[in-house]
Amino acid sequence: MIAYDPARCRAYELYAARPQADGSWQAGSGAVYDLASHRLRPAGWTSADAAGLPILPGLVRYDEVAAGRIDHAIRITAPRTRNAYVWPARHAASSRSDPALPPMGLRLRLKAGVDTSRLPAQARVVAQALKTYGAILADNGSAWFITGTQDDRWSNDALRALGGLSGADFEAVDAAGLMVSADSGQARASS
């Protein structure tokens, strides 16, 4: 569950949130994020997101797609990950040591040469964001699942077209050189 307070620019994210009979809520864990700050959670800390990152900033939102532009990296999941994490992630969520598996926080980018011109409009906007800003592996889940907000205006048929992209269409990005500080999500401008 995610609650956003625009007046304070804060996100409140709960994992395994369930309403109780008395009207209260119970959750497995929670995190509060000041979205006006670059401060990361302490190293080794998880959140509602296995990588310890805020979920809200990485969601694909319908209003962005309708406006024709997503201006941020997109949160994705993978079914199996390595017991490792790279900046800006703060937590690993696996006991596997296989170096062929991705670490939490892995940045991926859709290769510039991938032709997205035939994708339906909604999928094309998402694909362009994947080329421009990339994706961050943030949790275990379905294979390369893109997480978006609930909205009845999404076209599931259009979004399914993204399933035509393959792993060969992406490249891993070493973001270590963009890090200003290990405890900050702030990034240096890329050259």
N, C-alpha and C. Protein backbone atom coordinates (compact mmCIF):
# COMPACT_ATOMS: atom_id res chain seq x y z
N MET A 1 0.85 -1.16 0.00
CA MET A 1 0.00 0.00 0.00
C MET A 1 0.90 1.23 0.00
N ILE A 2 0.52 2.21 -0.80
CA ILE A 2 1.29 3.44 -0.88
C ILE A 2 0.34 4.61 -0.65
N ALA A 3 0.73 5.51 0.24
CA ALA A 3 0.01 6.76 0.44
C ALA A 3 0.98 7.89 0.15
N TYR A 4 0.50 8.90 -0.56
CA TYR A 4 1.35 10.04 -0.92
C TYR A 4 0.76 11.30 -0.33
N ASP A 5 1.58 12.07 0.37
CA ASP A 5 1.18 13.35 0.94
C ASP A 5 1.87 14.44 0.13
N PRO A 6 1.15 15.06 -0.84
CA PRO A 6 1.80 16.07 -1.69
C PRO A 6 2.20 17.33 -0.92
N ALA A 7 1.49 17.68 0.13
CA ALA A 7 1.83 18.88 0.89
C ALA A 7 3.19 18.74 1.57
N ARG A 8 3.52 17.54 2.02
CA ARG A 8 4.81 17.30 2.69
C ARG A 8 5.81 16.60 1.77
N CYS A 9 5.38 16.23 0.56
CA CYS A 9 6.21 15.51 -0.41
C CYS A 9 6.79 14.24 0.23
N ARG A 10 5.90 13.46 0.81
CA ARG A 10 6.29 12.22 1.46
C ARG A 10 5.46 11.05 0.93
N ALA A 11 6.12 9.91 0.84
CA ALA A 11 5.45 8.67 0.48
C ALA A 11 5.53 7.73 1.68
N TYR A 12 4.42 7.09 1.97
CA TYR A 12 4.32 6.11 3.05
C TYR A 12 4.02 4.78 2.38
N GLU A 13 4.93 3.83 2.49
CA GLU A 13 4.80 2.57 1.77
C GLU A 13 4.79 1.41 2.74
N LEU A 14 3.79 0.55 2.60
CA LEU A 14 3.63 -0.61 3.47
C LEU A 14 3.70 -1.89 2.65
N TYR A 15 4.37 -2.89 3.22
CA TYR A 15 4.44 -4.22 2.62
C TYR A 15 3.45 -5.12 3.35
N ALA A 16 2.71 -5.93 2.61
CA ALA A 16 1.75 -6.89 3.17
C ALA A 16 0.76 -6.21 4.09
N ALA A 17 0.20 -5.09 3.64
CA ALA A 17 -0.78 -4.33 4.43
C ALA A 17 -2.14 -5.02 4.36
N ARG A 18 -2.77 -5.14 5.53
CA ARG A 18 -4.08 -5.78 5.60
C ARG A 18 -4.96 -5.02 6.59
N PRO A 19 -6.21 -4.72 6.17
CA PRO A 19 -7.12 -4.08 7.12
C PRO A 19 -7.54 -5.09 8.20
N GLN A 20 -7.72 -4.58 9.40
CA GLN A 20 -8.14 -5.42 10.53
C GLN A 20 -9.62 -5.17 10.81
N ALA A 21 -10.25 -6.08 11.52
CA ALA A 21 -11.68 -5.99 11.82
C ALA A 21 -12.04 -4.71 12.57
N ASP A 22 -11.11 -4.21 13.38
CA ASP A 22 -11.39 -2.99 14.16
C ASP A 22 -11.15 -1.70 13.39
N GLY A 23 -10.83 -1.79 12.08
CA GLY A 23 -10.61 -0.61 11.26
C GLY A 23 -9.14 -0.19 11.17
N SER A 24 -8.28 -0.79 11.97
CA SER A 24 -6.85 -0.47 11.90
C SER A 24 -6.22 -1.29 10.78
N TRP A 25 -4.93 -1.06 10.57
CA TRP A 25 -4.19 -1.79 9.55
C TRP A 25 -3.00 -2.48 10.18
N GLN A 26 -2.62 -3.61 9.59
CA GLN A 26 -1.41 -4.33 10.00
C GLN A 26 -0.55 -4.50 8.76
N ALA A 27 0.77 -4.38 8.92
CA ALA A 27 1.68 -4.52 7.78
C ALA A 27 2.92 -5.28 8.20
N GLY A 28 3.55 -5.93 7.23
CA GLY A 28 4.78 -6.66 7.49
C GLY A 28 5.96 -5.73 7.70
N SER A 29 5.97 -4.60 7.00
CA SER A 29 7.00 -3.59 7.17
C SER A 29 6.51 -2.30 6.54
N GLY A 30 7.22 -1.24 6.80
CA GLY A 30 6.84 0.04 6.24
C GLY A 30 8.03 0.96 6.14
N ALA A 31 7.89 1.98 5.34
CA ALA A 31 8.94 2.98 5.19
C ALA A 31 8.30 4.32 4.86
N VAL A 32 8.93 5.37 5.32
CA VAL A 32 8.51 6.73 5.01
C VAL A 32 9.64 7.37 4.20
N TYR A 33 9.28 7.98 3.08
CA TYR A 33 10.27 8.62 2.21
C TYR A 33 9.97 10.09 2.05
N ASP A 34 10.97 10.92 2.29
CA ASP A 34 10.91 12.34 1.98
C ASP A 34 11.34 12.46 0.52
N LEU A 35 10.39 12.67 -0.37
CA LEU A 35 10.69 12.68 -1.80
C LEU A 35 11.37 13.96 -2.27
N ALA A 36 11.54 14.90 -1.36
CA ALA A 36 12.30 16.11 -1.69
C ALA A 36 13.77 15.95 -1.32
N SER A 37 14.11 14.79 -0.77
CA SER A 37 15.47 14.52 -0.32
C SER A 37 16.09 13.42 -1.17
N HIS A 38 17.40 13.41 -1.26
CA HIS A 38 18.12 12.34 -1.98
C HIS A 38 18.58 11.25 -1.02
N ARG A 39 18.30 11.40 0.26
CA ARG A 39 18.79 10.47 1.27
C ARG A 39 18.21 9.06 1.06
N LEU A 40 19.09 8.08 1.11
CA LEU A 40 18.69 6.67 0.98
C LEU A 40 18.52 6.05 2.35
N ARG A 41 17.82 4.93 2.40
CA ARG A 41 17.72 4.17 3.65
C ARG A 41 19.11 3.65 4.02
N PRO A 42 19.34 3.33 5.27
CA PRO A 42 20.66 2.78 5.65
C PRO A 42 20.98 1.50 4.87
N ALA A 43 22.25 1.28 4.57
CA ALA A 43 22.69 0.09 3.85
C ALA A 43 22.21 -1.16 4.58
N GLY A 44 21.65 -2.10 3.84
CA GLY A 44 21.15 -3.35 4.41
C GLY A 44 19.67 -3.30 4.78
N TRP A 45 19.05 -2.14 4.71
CA TRP A 45 17.63 -2.02 5.06
C TRP A 45 16.74 -2.27 3.85
N THR A 46 15.71 -3.06 4.05
CA THR A 46 14.70 -3.25 3.02
C THR A 46 13.59 -2.22 3.25
N SER A 47 12.51 -2.36 2.54
CA SER A 47 11.33 -1.51 2.70
C SER A 47 10.15 -2.31 2.14
N ALA A 48 9.12 -1.66 1.70
CA ALA A 48 8.05 -2.37 1.01
C ALA A 48 8.56 -2.92 -0.32
N ASP A 49 9.71 -2.43 -0.73
CA ASP A 49 10.41 -2.83 -1.94
C ASP A 49 11.65 -3.61 -1.51
N ALA A 50 11.91 -4.76 -2.08
CA ALA A 50 13.03 -5.60 -1.64
C ALA A 50 14.37 -4.88 -1.71
N ALA A 51 14.53 -3.99 -2.68
CA ALA A 51 15.79 -3.28 -2.85
C ALA A 51 15.97 -2.13 -1.85
N GLY A 52 14.94 -1.85 -1.04
CA GLY A 52 15.01 -0.76 -0.08
C GLY A 52 14.82 0.60 -0.71
N LEU A 53 14.32 0.63 -1.92
CA LEU A 53 14.07 1.88 -2.63
C LEU A 53 12.60 2.28 -2.51
N PRO A 54 12.29 3.55 -2.67
CA PRO A 54 10.88 3.93 -2.69
C PRO A 54 10.21 3.39 -3.96
N ILE A 55 9.01 2.90 -3.84
CA ILE A 55 8.28 2.36 -4.99
C ILE A 55 7.67 3.48 -5.82
N LEU A 56 7.07 4.46 -5.17
CA LEU A 56 6.29 5.49 -5.85
C LEU A 56 7.02 6.17 -7.01
N PRO A 57 8.27 6.61 -6.86
CA PRO A 57 8.92 7.32 -7.97
C PRO A 57 9.16 6.47 -9.22
N GLY A 58 9.17 5.16 -9.08
CA GLY A 58 9.45 4.29 -10.23
C GLY A 58 8.22 3.76 -10.93
N LEU A 59 7.03 4.08 -10.41
CA LEU A 59 5.80 3.61 -11.03
C LEU A 59 5.52 4.34 -12.34
N VAL A 60 5.00 3.61 -13.31
CA VAL A 60 4.52 4.22 -14.54
C VAL A 60 3.10 4.70 -14.25
N ARG A 61 2.86 5.98 -14.50
CA ARG A 61 1.55 6.56 -14.21
C ARG A 61 0.82 6.90 -15.51
N TYR A 62 -0.48 6.65 -15.51
CA TYR A 62 -1.26 6.89 -16.72
C TYR A 62 -1.15 8.34 -17.20
N ASP A 63 -1.19 9.29 -16.28
CA ASP A 63 -1.14 10.70 -16.69
C ASP A 63 0.15 11.02 -17.45
N GLU A 64 1.26 10.38 -17.07
CA GLU A 64 2.53 10.58 -17.79
C GLU A 64 2.40 10.05 -19.21
N VAL A 65 1.88 8.85 -19.33
CA VAL A 65 1.76 8.21 -20.65
C VAL A 65 0.80 9.00 -21.53
N ALA A 66 -0.30 9.47 -20.94
CA ALA A 66 -1.27 10.25 -21.72
C ALA A 66 -0.65 11.57 -22.19
N ALA A 67 0.27 12.13 -21.40
CA ALA A 67 0.96 13.37 -21.79
C ALA A 67 2.08 13.09 -22.79
N GLY A 68 2.41 11.80 -23.00
CA GLY A 68 3.41 11.43 -23.99
C GLY A 68 4.84 11.39 -23.49
N ARG A 69 5.04 11.45 -22.16
CA ARG A 69 6.43 11.48 -21.65
C ARG A 69 6.50 10.99 -20.21
N ILE A 70 7.40 10.04 -19.99
CA ILE A 70 7.77 9.58 -18.65
C ILE A 70 9.18 10.09 -18.43
N ASP A 71 9.40 10.83 -17.35
CA ASP A 71 10.72 11.45 -17.16
C ASP A 71 11.47 10.88 -15.96
N HIS A 72 11.42 9.57 -15.83
CA HIS A 72 12.15 8.90 -14.74
C HIS A 72 12.40 7.44 -15.10
N ALA A 73 13.32 6.83 -14.36
CA ALA A 73 13.56 5.39 -14.52
C ALA A 73 12.33 4.62 -14.04
N ILE A 74 12.16 3.45 -14.58
CA ILE A 74 10.98 2.63 -14.29
C ILE A 74 11.37 1.45 -13.40
N ARG A 75 10.55 1.20 -12.41
CA ARG A 75 10.75 0.09 -11.48
C ARG A 75 10.38 -1.22 -12.17
N ILE A 76 11.26 -2.24 -12.06
CA ILE A 76 10.96 -3.56 -12.62
C ILE A 76 11.28 -4.64 -11.59
N THR A 77 10.77 -5.83 -11.87
CA THR A 77 11.02 -6.99 -11.01
C THR A 77 11.63 -8.12 -11.83
N ALA A 78 12.21 -9.07 -11.13
CA ALA A 78 12.79 -10.26 -11.77
C ALA A 78 12.49 -11.47 -10.88
N PRO A 79 12.30 -12.65 -11.48
CA PRO A 79 11.93 -13.83 -10.68
C PRO A 79 13.07 -14.34 -9.80
N ARG A 80 14.31 -14.17 -10.24
CA ARG A 80 15.45 -14.64 -9.45
C ARG A 80 16.53 -13.57 -9.47
N THR A 81 17.07 -13.30 -8.31
CA THR A 81 18.12 -12.29 -8.20
C THR A 81 19.27 -12.87 -7.39
N ARG A 82 20.38 -12.15 -7.40
CA ARG A 82 21.58 -12.55 -6.67
C ARG A 82 21.56 -11.92 -5.28
N ASN A 83 22.26 -12.53 -4.34
CA ASN A 83 22.40 -11.98 -3.00
C ASN A 83 23.41 -10.83 -3.03
N ALA A 84 22.99 -9.75 -3.69
CA ALA A 84 23.85 -8.58 -3.85
C ALA A 84 22.97 -7.40 -4.22
N TYR A 85 23.50 -6.21 -3.97
CA TYR A 85 22.82 -5.01 -4.44
C TYR A 85 23.86 -3.97 -4.83
N VAL A 86 23.47 -3.13 -5.79
CA VAL A 86 24.33 -2.05 -6.26
C VAL A 86 23.58 -0.73 -6.08
N TRP A 87 24.34 0.33 -5.94
CA TRP A 87 23.76 1.66 -5.75
C TRP A 87 22.76 1.96 -6.85
N PRO A 88 21.61 2.50 -6.51
CA PRO A 88 21.19 3.06 -5.24
C PRO A 88 20.43 2.09 -4.34
N ALA A 89 20.32 0.83 -4.72
CA ALA A 89 19.62 -0.14 -3.87
C ALA A 89 20.32 -0.25 -2.52
N ARG A 90 19.58 -0.71 -1.51
CA ARG A 90 20.09 -0.80 -0.15
C ARG A 90 20.01 -2.19 0.43
N HIS A 91 19.44 -3.13 -0.34
CA HIS A 91 19.16 -4.44 0.23
C HIS A 91 19.11 -5.50 -0.86
N ALA A 92 19.58 -6.69 -0.55
CA ALA A 92 19.46 -7.86 -1.43
C ALA A 92 18.30 -8.72 -0.92
N ALA A 93 17.71 -9.49 -1.80
CA ALA A 93 16.55 -10.28 -1.40
C ALA A 93 16.66 -11.71 -1.92
N SER A 94 17.84 -12.29 -1.80
CA SER A 94 18.06 -13.63 -2.31
C SER A 94 19.21 -14.26 -1.53
N SER A 95 19.24 -15.57 -1.55
CA SER A 95 20.38 -16.28 -0.96
C SER A 95 21.28 -16.86 -2.05
N ARG A 96 20.91 -16.64 -3.31
CA ARG A 96 21.67 -17.20 -4.44
C ARG A 96 22.96 -16.40 -4.69
N SER A 97 24.01 -17.12 -5.03
CA SER A 97 25.30 -16.47 -5.30
C SER A 97 25.70 -16.53 -6.78
N ASP A 98 24.83 -17.05 -7.63
CA ASP A 98 25.12 -17.20 -9.05
C ASP A 98 25.40 -15.83 -9.69
N PRO A 99 26.62 -15.60 -10.20
CA PRO A 99 26.96 -14.30 -10.79
C PRO A 99 26.17 -13.98 -12.06
N ALA A 100 25.48 -14.97 -12.63
CA ALA A 100 24.66 -14.73 -13.81
C ALA A 100 23.33 -14.07 -13.44
N LEU A 101 22.99 -14.09 -12.16
CA LEU A 101 21.73 -13.46 -11.71
C LEU A 101 21.97 -11.99 -11.43
N PRO A 102 20.95 -11.16 -11.66
CA PRO A 102 21.13 -9.72 -11.45
C PRO A 102 21.06 -9.34 -9.97
N PRO A 103 21.80 -8.31 -9.58
CA PRO A 103 21.69 -7.78 -8.22
C PRO A 103 20.54 -6.77 -8.14
N MET A 104 20.02 -6.54 -6.96
CA MET A 104 19.04 -5.48 -6.78
C MET A 104 19.72 -4.15 -7.13
N GLY A 105 18.97 -3.26 -7.73
CA GLY A 105 19.50 -1.96 -8.12
C GLY A 105 20.09 -1.93 -9.52
N LEU A 106 20.18 -3.09 -10.18
CA LEU A 106 20.74 -3.14 -11.53
C LEU A 106 19.99 -2.17 -12.43
N ARG A 107 20.75 -1.35 -13.17
CA ARG A 107 20.15 -0.43 -14.14
C ARG A 107 20.22 -1.08 -15.51
N LEU A 108 19.12 -1.05 -16.20
CA LEU A 108 19.02 -1.54 -17.57
C LEU A 108 18.47 -0.44 -18.45
N ARG A 109 18.86 -0.47 -19.71
CA ARG A 109 18.37 0.54 -20.66
C ARG A 109 18.01 -0.17 -21.95
N LEU A 110 16.88 0.21 -22.53
CA LEU A 110 16.51 -0.29 -23.84
C LEU A 110 17.47 0.32 -24.85
N LYS A 111 18.10 -0.52 -25.66
CA LYS A 111 19.09 -0.05 -26.61
C LYS A 111 18.48 0.97 -27.58
N ALA A 112 19.28 1.98 -27.88
CA ALA A 112 18.82 3.08 -28.74
C ALA A 112 18.35 2.59 -30.10
N GLY A 113 18.96 1.54 -30.63
CA GLY A 113 18.62 1.05 -31.97
C GLY A 113 17.39 0.18 -32.05
N VAL A 114 16.75 -0.11 -30.93
CA VAL A 114 15.55 -0.94 -30.95
C VAL A 114 14.39 -0.13 -31.55
N ASP A 115 13.78 -0.66 -32.60
CA ASP A 115 12.68 0.03 -33.28
C ASP A 115 11.40 -0.12 -32.46
N THR A 116 10.91 0.99 -31.96
CA THR A 116 9.67 0.98 -31.16
C THR A 116 8.54 1.67 -31.91
N SER A 117 8.77 2.05 -33.15
CA SER A 117 7.80 2.85 -33.91
C SER A 117 6.48 2.12 -34.16
N ARG A 118 6.49 0.81 -34.15
CA ARG A 118 5.27 0.05 -34.43
C ARG A 118 4.49 -0.32 -33.17
N LEU A 119 5.02 0.04 -32.00
CA LEU A 119 4.30 -0.23 -30.75
C LEU A 119 3.08 0.67 -30.65
N PRO A 120 2.01 0.20 -30.00
CA PRO A 120 0.86 1.07 -29.73
C PRO A 120 1.32 2.28 -28.90
N ALA A 121 0.58 3.36 -28.95
CA ALA A 121 0.99 4.63 -28.35
C ALA A 121 1.41 4.49 -26.88
N GLN A 122 0.59 3.85 -26.05
CA GLN A 122 0.94 3.73 -24.63
C GLN A 122 2.25 2.98 -24.45
N ALA A 123 2.42 1.89 -25.16
CA ALA A 123 3.65 1.10 -25.05
C ALA A 123 4.84 1.87 -25.59
N ARG A 124 4.64 2.66 -26.61
CA ARG A 124 5.74 3.43 -27.20
C ARG A 124 6.28 4.48 -26.21
N VAL A 125 5.39 5.10 -25.43
CA VAL A 125 5.84 6.08 -24.42
C VAL A 125 6.67 5.38 -23.35
N VAL A 126 6.23 4.21 -22.91
CA VAL A 126 6.99 3.44 -21.92
C VAL A 126 8.34 3.04 -22.50
N ALA A 127 8.35 2.55 -23.73
CA ALA A 127 9.60 2.13 -24.37
C ALA A 127 10.58 3.29 -24.49
N GLN A 128 10.08 4.48 -24.82
CA GLN A 128 10.97 5.64 -24.92
C GLN A 128 11.58 5.96 -23.57
N ALA A 129 10.81 5.86 -22.49
CA ALA A 129 11.36 6.09 -21.15
C ALA A 129 12.43 5.05 -20.83
N LEU A 130 12.22 3.82 -21.27
CA LEU A 130 13.22 2.77 -21.06
C LEU A 130 14.51 3.06 -21.83
N LYS A 131 14.40 3.75 -22.96
CA LYS A 131 15.60 4.16 -23.70
C LYS A 131 16.28 5.36 -23.02
N THR A 132 15.50 6.31 -22.58
CA THR A 132 16.04 7.56 -22.05
C THR A 132 16.50 7.43 -20.60
N TYR A 133 15.67 6.85 -19.74
CA TYR A 133 15.97 6.80 -18.30
C TYR A 133 16.26 5.39 -17.79
N GLY A 134 15.85 4.39 -18.54
CA GLY A 134 16.12 3.02 -18.16
C GLY A 134 15.18 2.48 -17.10
N ALA A 135 15.61 1.38 -16.51
CA ALA A 135 14.83 0.69 -15.49
C ALA A 135 15.77 0.31 -14.35
N ILE A 136 15.18 0.17 -13.16
CA ILE A 136 15.94 -0.25 -11.98
C ILE A 136 15.29 -1.51 -11.44
N LEU A 137 16.10 -2.56 -11.26
CA LEU A 137 15.60 -3.79 -10.66
C LEU A 137 15.37 -3.54 -9.18
N ALA A 138 14.09 -3.63 -8.77
CA ALA A 138 13.73 -3.19 -7.43
C ALA A 138 13.15 -4.29 -6.54
N ASP A 139 12.75 -5.43 -7.13
CA ASP A 139 12.10 -6.45 -6.30
C ASP A 139 12.08 -7.77 -7.05
N ASN A 140 11.81 -8.83 -6.32
CA ASN A 140 11.57 -10.14 -6.92
C ASN A 140 10.11 -10.19 -7.34
N GLY A 141 9.86 -10.82 -8.47
CA GLY A 141 8.49 -10.92 -8.99
C GLY A 141 8.53 -11.51 -10.38
N SER A 142 7.53 -11.18 -11.17
CA SER A 142 7.47 -11.68 -12.54
C SER A 142 8.66 -11.17 -13.35
N ALA A 143 8.98 -11.89 -14.41
CA ALA A 143 10.15 -11.54 -15.23
C ALA A 143 10.00 -10.17 -15.87
N TRP A 144 10.87 -9.25 -15.48
CA TRP A 144 10.97 -7.91 -16.03
C TRP A 144 9.62 -7.21 -16.07
N PHE A 145 8.89 -7.35 -14.97
CA PHE A 145 7.56 -6.77 -14.82
C PHE A 145 7.68 -5.28 -14.54
N ILE A 146 7.00 -4.48 -15.33
CA ILE A 146 6.94 -3.02 -15.14
C ILE A 146 5.75 -2.73 -14.25
N THR A 147 5.98 -1.95 -13.21
CA THR A 147 4.93 -1.65 -12.26
C THR A 147 4.32 -0.29 -12.56
N GLY A 148 2.99 -0.24 -12.60
CA GLY A 148 2.30 1.01 -12.86
C GLY A 148 1.17 1.23 -11.88
N THR A 149 0.61 2.42 -11.93
CA THR A 149 -0.51 2.76 -11.06
C THR A 149 -1.80 2.19 -11.62
N GLN A 150 -2.76 1.99 -10.74
CA GLN A 150 -4.08 1.51 -11.12
C GLN A 150 -4.82 2.63 -11.84
N ASP A 151 -5.33 2.34 -13.02
CA ASP A 151 -6.11 3.32 -13.77
C ASP A 151 -6.90 2.58 -14.84
N ASP A 152 -8.19 2.80 -14.88
CA ASP A 152 -9.05 2.09 -15.84
C ASP A 152 -8.78 2.51 -17.29
N ARG A 153 -8.03 3.58 -17.49
CA ARG A 153 -7.75 4.05 -18.86
C ARG A 153 -6.59 3.33 -19.51
N TRP A 154 -5.85 2.50 -18.77
CA TRP A 154 -4.77 1.74 -19.39
C TRP A 154 -5.37 0.79 -20.42
N SER A 155 -4.66 0.58 -21.51
CA SER A 155 -5.03 -0.44 -22.49
C SER A 155 -4.10 -1.63 -22.27
N ASN A 156 -4.62 -2.68 -21.67
CA ASN A 156 -3.80 -3.87 -21.44
C ASN A 156 -3.29 -4.45 -22.75
N ASP A 157 -4.10 -4.37 -23.79
CA ASP A 157 -3.65 -4.87 -25.10
C ASP A 157 -2.44 -4.09 -25.58
N ALA A 158 -2.48 -2.77 -25.44
CA ALA A 158 -1.35 -1.95 -25.88
C ALA A 158 -0.11 -2.25 -25.03
N LEU A 159 -0.28 -2.36 -23.73
CA LEU A 159 0.86 -2.60 -22.86
C LEU A 159 1.46 -3.99 -23.06
N ARG A 160 0.63 -4.97 -23.42
CA ARG A 160 1.15 -6.32 -23.69
C ARG A 160 2.16 -6.32 -24.83
N ALA A 161 2.09 -5.34 -25.70
CA ALA A 161 3.03 -5.26 -26.82
C ALA A 161 4.47 -5.11 -26.33
N LEU A 162 4.66 -4.60 -25.11
CA LEU A 162 6.01 -4.51 -24.55
C LEU A 162 6.61 -5.89 -24.34
N GLY A 163 5.77 -6.91 -24.26
CA GLY A 163 6.24 -8.28 -24.12
C GLY A 163 7.01 -8.75 -25.34
N GLY A 164 6.92 -8.02 -26.45
CA GLY A 164 7.69 -8.35 -27.64
C GLY A 164 9.16 -7.96 -27.53
N LEU A 165 9.49 -7.16 -26.52
CA LEU A 165 10.89 -6.83 -26.28
C LEU A 165 11.56 -8.01 -25.60
N SER A 166 12.83 -8.25 -25.91
CA SER A 166 13.54 -9.37 -25.30
C SER A 166 14.73 -8.85 -24.51
N GLY A 167 15.34 -9.72 -23.75
CA GLY A 167 16.52 -9.36 -22.99
C GLY A 167 17.64 -8.83 -23.87
N ALA A 168 17.72 -9.33 -25.10
CA ALA A 168 18.75 -8.86 -26.04
C ALA A 168 18.54 -7.41 -26.45
N ASP A 169 17.34 -6.87 -26.22
CA ASP A 169 17.05 -5.48 -26.56
C ASP A 169 17.55 -4.50 -25.50
N PHE A 170 18.04 -5.03 -24.38
CA PHE A 170 18.47 -4.19 -23.26
C PHE A 170 19.97 -4.31 -23.03
N GLU A 171 20.52 -3.30 -22.40
CA GLU A 171 21.92 -3.32 -21.98
C GLU A 171 21.99 -2.90 -20.52
N ALA A 172 22.92 -3.52 -19.79
CA ALA A 172 23.16 -3.14 -18.40
C ALA A 172 23.96 -1.84 -18.40
N VAL A 173 23.66 -0.99 -17.44
CA VAL A 173 24.33 0.30 -17.33
C VAL A 173 25.07 0.33 -15.99
N ASP A 174 26.36 0.62 -16.05
CA ASP A 174 27.14 0.78 -14.82
C ASP A 174 26.91 2.20 -14.32
N ALA A 175 26.09 2.35 -13.29
CA ALA A 175 25.73 3.66 -12.77
C ALA A 175 26.66 4.13 -11.66
N ALA A 176 27.67 3.34 -11.31
CA ALA A 176 28.55 3.69 -10.19
C ALA A 176 29.20 5.05 -10.37
N GLY A 177 29.55 5.42 -11.58
CA GLY A 177 30.19 6.71 -11.82
C GLY A 177 29.27 7.90 -11.64
N LEU A 178 27.97 7.65 -11.55
CA LEU A 178 27.00 8.73 -11.34
C LEU A 178 26.77 9.02 -9.86
N MET A 179 27.26 8.14 -8.99
CA MET A 179 27.02 8.25 -7.56
C MET A 179 27.76 9.45 -6.98
N VAL A 180 27.04 10.32 -6.29
CA VAL A 180 27.62 11.45 -5.58
C VAL A 180 28.11 10.99 -4.21
N SER A 181 27.28 10.17 -3.55
CA SER A 181 27.58 9.62 -2.23
C SER A 181 26.86 8.28 -2.10
N ALA A 182 27.47 7.34 -1.41
CA ALA A 182 26.86 6.02 -1.25
C ALA A 182 25.53 6.08 -0.50
N ASP A 183 25.32 7.11 0.29
CA ASP A 183 24.09 7.23 1.08
C ASP A 183 23.10 8.21 0.48
N SER A 184 23.32 8.59 -0.77
CA SER A 184 22.44 9.54 -1.44
C SER A 184 22.01 9.00 -2.79
N GLY A 185 20.78 9.24 -3.14
CA GLY A 185 20.28 8.86 -4.45
C GLY A 185 20.57 9.91 -5.50
N GLN A 186 21.18 11.02 -5.10
CA GLN A 186 21.53 12.07 -6.06
C GLN A 186 22.55 11.52 -7.05
N ALA A 187 22.38 11.91 -8.30
CA ALA A 187 23.27 11.42 -9.36
C ALA A 187 23.96 12.58 -10.06
N ARG A 188 25.19 12.31 -10.44
CA ARG A 188 25.92 13.27 -11.28
C ARG A 188 25.32 13.27 -12.67
N ALA A 189 25.41 14.36 -13.35
CA ALA A 189 24.95 14.41 -14.73
C ALA A 189 25.85 13.54 -15.59
N SER A 190 25.25 12.78 -16.47
CA SER A 190 26.01 11.90 -17.37
C SER A 190 26.54 12.71 -18.53
N SER A 191 27.72 12.35 -19.01
CA SER A 191 28.29 13.08 -20.15
C SER A 191 27.89 12.44 -21.45
